[in-house]
Protein backbone atom coordinates (compact mmCIF):
# COMPACT_ATOMS: atom_id res chain seq x y z
CA MET A 1 15.02 14.28 -10.95
CA LYS A 2 11.18 14.31 -11.15
CA ARG A 3 11.07 17.88 -12.37
CA CYS A 4 13.83 17.27 -14.97
CA ALA A 5 11.97 14.25 -16.39
CA ALA A 6 8.72 16.19 -16.51
CA VAL A 7 10.15 19.29 -18.28
CA CYS A 8 12.01 17.18 -20.78
CA LEU A 9 8.91 15.27 -21.73
CA LEU A 10 6.80 18.39 -21.78
CA ALA A 11 9.22 19.84 -24.32
CA VAL A 12 8.48 16.85 -26.47
CA ALA A 13 4.75 17.52 -26.11
CA LEU A 14 5.11 21.17 -27.10
CA THR A 15 7.34 20.22 -29.96
CA ALA A 16 4.82 17.71 -31.18
CA ALA A 17 2.06 20.30 -31.11
CA ALA A 18 4.20 22.87 -32.97
CA HIS A 19 4.94 20.40 -35.72
CA ALA A 20 1.58 18.74 -35.99
CA GLY A 21 1.46 19.52 -39.67
CA SER A 22 4.82 17.96 -40.44
CA ALA A 23 5.27 14.85 -42.58
CA GLY A 24 6.61 12.66 -39.75
CA PRO A 25 4.43 10.71 -37.37
CA PRO A 26 3.10 12.58 -34.35
CA LEU A 27 4.81 12.08 -31.06
CA ILE A 28 1.47 12.23 -29.25
CA ALA A 29 -1.58 10.37 -30.58
CA SER A 30 -4.68 12.53 -31.40
CA ASP A 31 -6.79 10.57 -28.94
CA GLU A 32 -4.34 11.46 -26.18
CA LEU A 33 -4.64 15.21 -26.62
CA GLY A 34 -7.00 17.10 -24.31
CA ALA A 35 -9.47 19.51 -25.76
CA PRO A 36 -11.73 22.00 -23.86
CA GLY A 37 -14.47 19.90 -22.28
CA ARG A 38 -12.62 16.68 -22.93
CA PRO A 39 -10.64 15.47 -19.91
CA LEU A 40 -7.57 13.28 -19.93
CA ILE A 41 -7.55 10.38 -17.50
CA LEU A 42 -4.42 9.34 -15.60
CA GLU A 43 -4.68 6.02 -13.79
CA GLY A 44 -2.56 4.04 -11.32
CA LEU A 45 -1.29 6.90 -9.29
CA ALA A 46 0.30 6.66 -5.81
CA SER A 47 1.29 8.51 -2.66
CA ASP A 48 2.50 6.05 -0.04
CA GLY A 49 5.19 7.74 2.00
CA VAL A 50 7.95 6.33 -0.25
CA ARG A 51 6.55 7.64 -3.53
CA THR A 52 4.62 10.79 -4.55
CA THR A 53 3.03 11.55 -7.87
CA GLY A 54 3.93 14.64 -9.94
CA LEU A 55 1.64 16.06 -12.54
CA ALA A 56 2.99 17.62 -15.78
CA LEU A 57 0.70 19.95 -17.76
CA ALA A 58 1.43 21.49 -21.20
CA ASN A 59 -0.71 24.31 -22.54
CA LEU A 60 -0.68 23.79 -26.35
CA SER A 61 -2.44 27.00 -27.21
CA GLY A 62 -1.51 30.63 -27.65
CA SER A 63 -3.85 31.72 -24.78
CA ALA A 64 -3.55 31.12 -21.03
CA ALA A 65 -5.23 27.88 -19.81
CA GLN A 66 -7.15 27.33 -16.64
CA CYS A 67 -6.97 23.68 -15.69
CA SER A 68 -8.72 21.60 -13.00
CA VAL A 69 -7.59 18.21 -11.66
CA SER A 70 -10.18 15.91 -9.93
CA LEU A 71 -8.56 13.11 -7.83
CA THR A 72 -10.34 9.80 -7.16
CA ALA A 73 -9.23 6.84 -4.97
CA ALA A 74 -9.22 3.33 -6.32
CA ASP A 75 -12.56 2.72 -4.54
CA GLY A 76 -14.15 5.76 -6.18
CA LEU A 77 -13.88 8.02 -3.11
CA GLY A 78 -13.11 11.63 -4.04
CA LEU A 79 -9.75 12.89 -2.82
CA GLY A 80 -10.13 16.55 -3.80
CA GLU A 81 -9.62 18.92 -6.70
CA LEU A 82 -6.82 21.23 -7.76
CA SER A 83 -6.88 24.35 -9.94
CA VAL A 84 -3.83 25.19 -12.08
CA ARG A 85 -3.19 28.09 -14.44
CA VAL A 86 -0.76 27.55 -17.30
CA ALA A 87 0.70 30.39 -19.42
CA PRO A 88 0.42 30.14 -23.25
CA ARG A 89 2.68 27.66 -24.98
CA SER A 90 4.25 26.69 -21.70
CA GLU A 91 4.30 23.99 -19.00
CA ARG A 92 3.55 23.60 -15.27
CA TYR A 93 4.75 20.80 -12.98
CA VAL A 94 2.92 20.03 -9.74
CA GLU A 95 5.55 18.26 -7.49
CA ASP A 96 3.17 16.38 -5.16
CA LEU A 97 -0.34 15.83 -6.63
CA PHE A 98 -1.55 14.21 -3.37
CA ALA A 99 0.01 16.68 -0.96
CA GLY A 100 -0.97 15.82 2.59
CA LEU A 101 -2.36 12.41 1.60
CA ARG A 102 -0.68 9.07 2.22
CA GLY A 103 -1.68 5.47 1.72
CA VAL A 104 -2.90 6.22 -1.77
CA SER A 105 -2.42 3.61 -4.53
CA GLY A 106 -4.28 2.96 -7.73
CA ALA A 107 -5.75 6.48 -7.76
CA ARG A 108 -7.08 8.34 -10.73
CA ALA A 109 -6.80 11.91 -11.91
CA ALA A 110 -9.17 13.53 -14.43
CA VAL A 111 -7.50 16.63 -15.95
CA SER A 112 -9.48 19.33 -17.79
CA CYS A 113 -8.43 22.62 -19.31
CA ASP A 114 -10.16 25.37 -21.18
CA GLN A 115 -7.48 25.28 -23.91
CA PRO A 116 -5.97 22.41 -25.87
CA PHE A 117 -3.49 20.67 -23.59
CA TYR A 118 -1.57 17.55 -22.73
CA ALA A 119 -0.95 15.93 -19.35
CA PHE A 120 0.93 13.01 -17.83
CA ALA A 121 2.03 11.89 -14.42
CA VAL A 122 5.41 10.98 -13.04
CA VAL A 123 5.63 8.31 -10.36
CA PRO A 124 9.04 7.40 -8.82
CA GLY A 125 9.79 3.75 -8.59
CA ARG A 126 10.27 2.07 -5.17
CA VAL A 127 13.83 1.21 -6.00
CA GLY A 128 14.85 4.08 -8.25
CA GLY A 129 13.80 5.41 -11.67
CA VAL A 130 10.47 6.92 -12.55
CA ALA A 131 7.35 5.66 -14.35
CA VAL A 132 5.64 8.03 -16.78
CA VAL A 133 1.82 7.53 -16.72
CA ASP A 134 0.32 8.57 -20.08
CA PRO A 135 -3.39 9.35 -20.51
CA THR A 136 -5.61 6.35 -21.01
CA PRO A 137 -7.27 6.16 -24.39
CA GLN A 138 -10.68 7.82 -24.67
CA GLU A 139 -13.36 5.23 -23.96
CA VAL A 140 -16.19 3.98 -26.09
CA LYS A 141 -18.95 2.83 -23.71
CA ALA A 142 -21.54 0.12 -24.17
CA ASP A 143 -24.14 -1.44 -21.88
CA ALA A 144 -25.01 -5.09 -21.02
CA ALA A 145 -28.11 -7.07 -22.05
CA PRO A 146 -29.27 -10.56 -21.35
CA CYS A 147 -27.70 -13.14 -23.70
CA ALA A 148 -30.02 -14.50 -26.45
CA VAL A 149 -28.86 -18.06 -25.94
CA ASN A 150 -28.53 -18.05 -22.19
CA SER A 151 -30.62 -15.33 -20.54
CA LYS A 152 -28.89 -15.98 -17.16
CA SER A 153 -25.67 -14.54 -18.58
CA LEU A 154 -25.05 -10.96 -19.58
CA CYS A 155 -23.81 -10.03 -23.01
CA PHE A 156 -21.85 -6.98 -24.19
CA ASP A 157 -21.28 -6.23 -27.83
CA ALA A 158 -19.49 -3.69 -29.98
CA LYS A 159 -20.30 -4.76 -33.55
CA GLY A 160 -18.65 -4.13 -36.85
CA VAL A 161 -15.08 -2.68 -37.30
CA VAL A 162 -14.25 -1.30 -33.89
CA HIS A 163 -10.65 -0.10 -34.61
CA GLN A 164 -8.19 0.30 -37.45
CA PRO A 165 -5.03 1.65 -35.92
CA THR A 166 -3.20 4.66 -37.44
CA THR A 167 -0.24 6.77 -36.33
CA ALA A 168 -2.77 9.32 -35.05
CA THR A 169 -4.99 6.79 -33.23
CA PRO A 170 -2.98 3.70 -32.41
CA VAL A 171 -5.20 2.48 -29.58
CA LYS A 172 -8.97 2.21 -29.09
CA ARG A 173 -10.44 1.46 -25.68
CA TYR A 174 -13.93 -0.06 -25.10
CA ALA A 175 -15.47 0.05 -21.63
CA PHE A 176 -18.52 -1.98 -20.56
CA ALA A 177 -20.31 -1.24 -17.27
CA VAL A 178 -20.54 -4.45 -15.21
CA PRO A 179 -23.53 -4.96 -12.99
CA PRO A 180 -22.42 -5.64 -9.36
CA GLY A 181 -22.26 -9.41 -8.58
CA THR A 182 -20.06 -12.52 -8.60
CA TYR A 183 -19.18 -14.14 -11.87
CA THR A 184 -17.73 -17.63 -12.43
CA ARG A 185 -17.08 -17.43 -16.16
CA VAL A 186 -16.26 -14.57 -18.57
CA LYS A 187 -15.86 -15.25 -22.30
CA MET A 188 -14.67 -12.59 -24.75
CA SER A 189 -14.17 -12.86 -28.48
CA LEU A 190 -13.20 -10.55 -31.31
CA ASP A 191 -12.05 -10.81 -34.91
CA VAL A 192 -8.70 -9.35 -36.09
CA THR A 193 -7.49 -9.01 -39.69
CA VAL A 194 -3.72 -9.09 -39.63
CA GLY A 195 -2.08 -6.32 -41.67
CA PRO A 196 1.55 -5.60 -42.27
CA TRP A 197 4.04 -6.31 -39.44
CA TYR A 198 5.44 -3.21 -37.85
CA THR A 199 8.45 -2.18 -39.92
CA GLY A 200 10.43 -0.96 -36.91
CA ASP A 201 10.25 -4.35 -35.17
CA PRO A 202 8.27 -6.94 -37.19
CA ASP A 203 8.89 -9.60 -34.56
CA GLY A 204 7.70 -7.40 -31.69
CA LYS A 205 4.49 -8.00 -29.74
CA HIS A 206 1.51 -6.80 -31.72
CA LEU A 207 -1.38 -6.42 -29.31
CA ILE A 208 -4.62 -8.17 -30.22
CA TYR A 209 -6.38 -7.41 -26.92
CA TRP A 210 -5.86 -6.32 -23.34
CA PHE A 211 -8.91 -7.47 -21.35
CA VAL A 212 -9.30 -6.48 -17.72
CA LEU A 213 -11.74 -5.65 -14.91
CA ASN A 214 -10.96 -1.95 -14.35
CA LYS A 215 -7.13 -2.17 -14.57
CA ASN A 216 -4.14 -4.39 -15.13
CA PHE A 217 -4.28 -5.94 -11.67
CA ASP A 218 -7.41 -7.96 -12.64
CA MET A 219 -6.51 -9.27 -16.06
CA LEU A 220 -8.87 -11.66 -17.67
CA GLY A 221 -6.55 -12.09 -20.61
CA MET A 222 -4.06 -10.44 -22.97
CA LEU A 223 -2.99 -11.72 -26.41
CA TYR A 224 -0.13 -10.77 -28.74
CA PHE A 225 0.94 -12.02 -32.13
CA ARG A 226 4.66 -11.95 -32.99
CA GLY A 227 5.96 -11.64 -36.61
CA PRO A 228 8.05 -13.61 -39.07
CA ALA A 229 11.24 -14.46 -37.19
CA ALA A 230 9.34 -15.41 -34.03
CA TYR A 231 5.82 -16.49 -35.19
CA THR A 232 4.21 -17.00 -31.76
CA ALA A 233 0.98 -16.31 -29.92
CA LEU A 234 1.71 -15.01 -26.41
CA SER A 235 -0.81 -14.58 -23.59
CA ARG A 236 -0.65 -13.10 -20.10
CA TYR A 237 -3.43 -13.28 -17.47
CA GLY A 238 -4.20 -13.40 -13.75
CA ILE A 239 -6.75 -11.95 -11.29
CA GLY A 240 -5.31 -10.03 -8.35
CA LEU A 241 -1.70 -10.29 -9.57
CA THR A 242 0.85 -7.62 -10.24
CA HIS A 243 2.17 -7.77 -13.82
CA PRO A 244 5.44 -9.63 -13.10
CA LYS A 245 3.36 -12.36 -11.49
CA LYS A 246 0.94 -12.80 -14.34
CA ILE A 247 0.72 -16.26 -15.82
CA LYS A 248 2.34 -16.54 -19.27
CA LEU A 249 1.32 -18.86 -22.15
CA VAL A 250 3.29 -19.10 -25.40
CA LYS A 251 2.66 -21.28 -28.44
CA PRO A 252 4.02 -21.33 -32.02
CA PHE A 253 1.60 -19.56 -34.36
CA LYS A 254 1.98 -18.19 -37.88
CA ALA A 255 -0.36 -15.29 -38.32
CA LEU A 256 -0.63 -14.43 -42.01
CA PRO A 257 -1.21 -10.86 -43.17
CA GLY A 258 -4.57 -10.57 -44.88
CA HIS A 259 -6.11 -13.42 -42.93
CA THR A 260 -8.87 -12.82 -40.35
CA TYR A 261 -8.72 -14.73 -37.00
CA ARG A 262 -11.41 -15.23 -34.48
CA CYS A 263 -9.75 -14.85 -31.05
CA GLU A 264 -11.70 -16.29 -28.07
CA ASN A 265 -10.66 -15.74 -24.43
CA ASP A 266 -12.68 -18.07 -22.15
CA LEU A 267 -11.85 -17.67 -18.44
CA ASP A 268 -13.92 -20.43 -16.83
CA MET A 269 -13.17 -19.88 -13.19
CA ALA A 270 -15.66 -22.47 -12.01
CA ALA A 271 -13.79 -25.13 -14.03
CA GLY A 272 -10.37 -23.60 -13.12
CA VAL A 273 -9.14 -23.03 -16.69
CA LEU A 274 -8.37 -20.32 -19.25
CA ASP A 275 -8.76 -21.37 -22.93
CA ILE A 276 -7.65 -19.06 -25.72
CA THR A 277 -8.66 -20.23 -29.16
CA ILE A 278 -7.35 -18.67 -32.40
CA THR A 279 -9.28 -19.74 -35.52
CA ASP A 280 -8.29 -18.80 -39.06
CA LYS A 281 -11.67 -17.95 -40.56
CA ALA A 282 -10.55 -18.73 -44.06
CA THR A 283 -8.96 -22.17 -43.50
CA GLY A 284 -10.52 -23.26 -40.20
CA ASP A 285 -7.11 -23.97 -38.71
CA VAL A 286 -7.09 -23.66 -34.91
CA VAL A 287 -4.40 -22.93 -32.32
CA ARG A 288 -5.20 -23.20 -28.58
CA LEU A 289 -3.48 -21.90 -25.52
CA ARG A 290 -4.59 -23.39 -22.16
CA GLY A 291 -3.73 -22.46 -18.56
CA ASN A 292 -5.13 -22.69 -15.05
CA ALA A 293 -7.40 -19.96 -13.70
CA ASN A 294 -5.86 -18.57 -10.52
CA VAL A 295 -9.23 -17.72 -8.91
CA SER A 296 -12.64 -19.52 -8.69
CA GLN A 297 -14.77 -16.42 -9.18
CA LEU A 298 -14.70 -12.69 -9.90
CA THR A 299 -16.59 -10.11 -7.92
CA ALA A 300 -17.70 -6.82 -9.48
CA LYS A 301 -18.85 -3.78 -7.51
CA ALA A 302 -20.82 -0.68 -8.57
CA GLY A 303 -18.86 1.34 -11.12
CA ASP A 304 -16.67 -1.51 -12.29
CA ARG A 305 -15.99 -1.93 -16.05
CA PHE A 306 -14.79 -4.57 -18.43
CA ILE A 307 -12.08 -2.78 -20.46
CA ILE A 308 -10.65 -3.85 -23.77
CA ASP A 309 -7.81 -2.13 -25.52
CA THR A 310 -6.82 -3.00 -29.14
CA GLY A 311 -3.56 -1.80 -30.65
CA PHE A 312 -0.52 -0.27 -28.90
CA PRO A 313 1.26 3.11 -29.23
CA GLU A 314 4.54 3.49 -31.10
CA LYS A 315 7.89 3.73 -29.30
CA ARG A 316 6.38 3.56 -25.77
CA THR A 317 7.58 0.17 -24.44
CA PRO A 318 10.42 -2.05 -25.75
CA ASP A 319 9.13 -5.10 -27.65
CA GLU A 320 5.52 -3.79 -27.76
CA VAL A 321 4.68 -2.36 -31.17
CA PRO A 322 1.74 -0.83 -32.99
CA SER A 323 -0.48 -2.72 -35.41
CA PHE A 324 -0.99 -0.07 -38.04
CA ASP A 325 -3.50 -0.98 -40.77
CA TRP A 326 -4.83 -4.07 -38.99
CA ALA A 327 -8.60 -4.29 -38.40
CA TYR A 328 -10.38 -5.25 -35.21
CA GLN A 329 -14.11 -6.08 -35.19
CA ASP A 330 -17.08 -7.67 -33.43
CA ILE A 331 -16.20 -7.53 -29.74
CA HIS A 332 -18.43 -9.86 -27.76
CA ILE A 333 -18.46 -10.59 -23.98
CA GLU A 334 -20.50 -13.12 -22.03
CA ALA A 335 -20.40 -12.92 -18.20
CA THR A 336 -22.00 -15.78 -16.24
CA PRO A 337 -23.12 -14.96 -12.72
CA LYS A 338 -22.63 -17.41 -9.78
């Protein structure tokens, strides 16, 4: 089952590469393809006695590829390295990426090859089926600085237009290194100019932001806009919660194409609330979503990152759709220490 799933999907990858110059949209986004010296990162991998993780590799070039896989535990501990050779225009599948290791969850694999390539992981579900783990978008990194207004807080900024999704690059990821410490409030804002609703599903969830500490488990906030037949703003959030247990907020909201909205995600853990404010910058109209924070503080350790994704890939998950020709700009984060 695992091998069948991997080979079928690898055939898609090889077909996409072979038809990269065709008129139709690519099946693999350009920022997900690996190039020599540019690793692909696979996150959320497991080997727990019930599940193992398989690794699928596709060599997209006409020459043999030598690939290396560096494995890291969720806490940053190295779990070893693998070396894999892949023939030209072909695929390899590693049945058990963590062979001999158990009790592994939330692990990370960095895959590098000396030829253009593609990689993904296959993780069986606990009660059947498989999950395909695609490469995370390439990160744009930025550092923290004391905030101008409140020097006790740390500010992180990515100014100007940070992303305009296209079929080749539907997602952009920003990563901000968080100094170790305990934080009681984290505010994030960005502007989004709404473009056309996705023609394949205009009422689907168009992602405004996915805002986490390291990964989905610690989600400071996520916001979607739905299109004409639904017209809602939808948020999910929760620290230390699996996705089905995330807190959900929904409110009627009519996002207008061509309008720019300031979206503010204020997780005030000391006060016990999450406030999401959406402001139409042209009219001043405001919509608010409010919920209870499920923790009183957030602790960051060395190597932790605030991560923000904008945009979503096409045809990956039902009801989640890309936001082609929208514009995201001026990301700002304020983190207040305890």
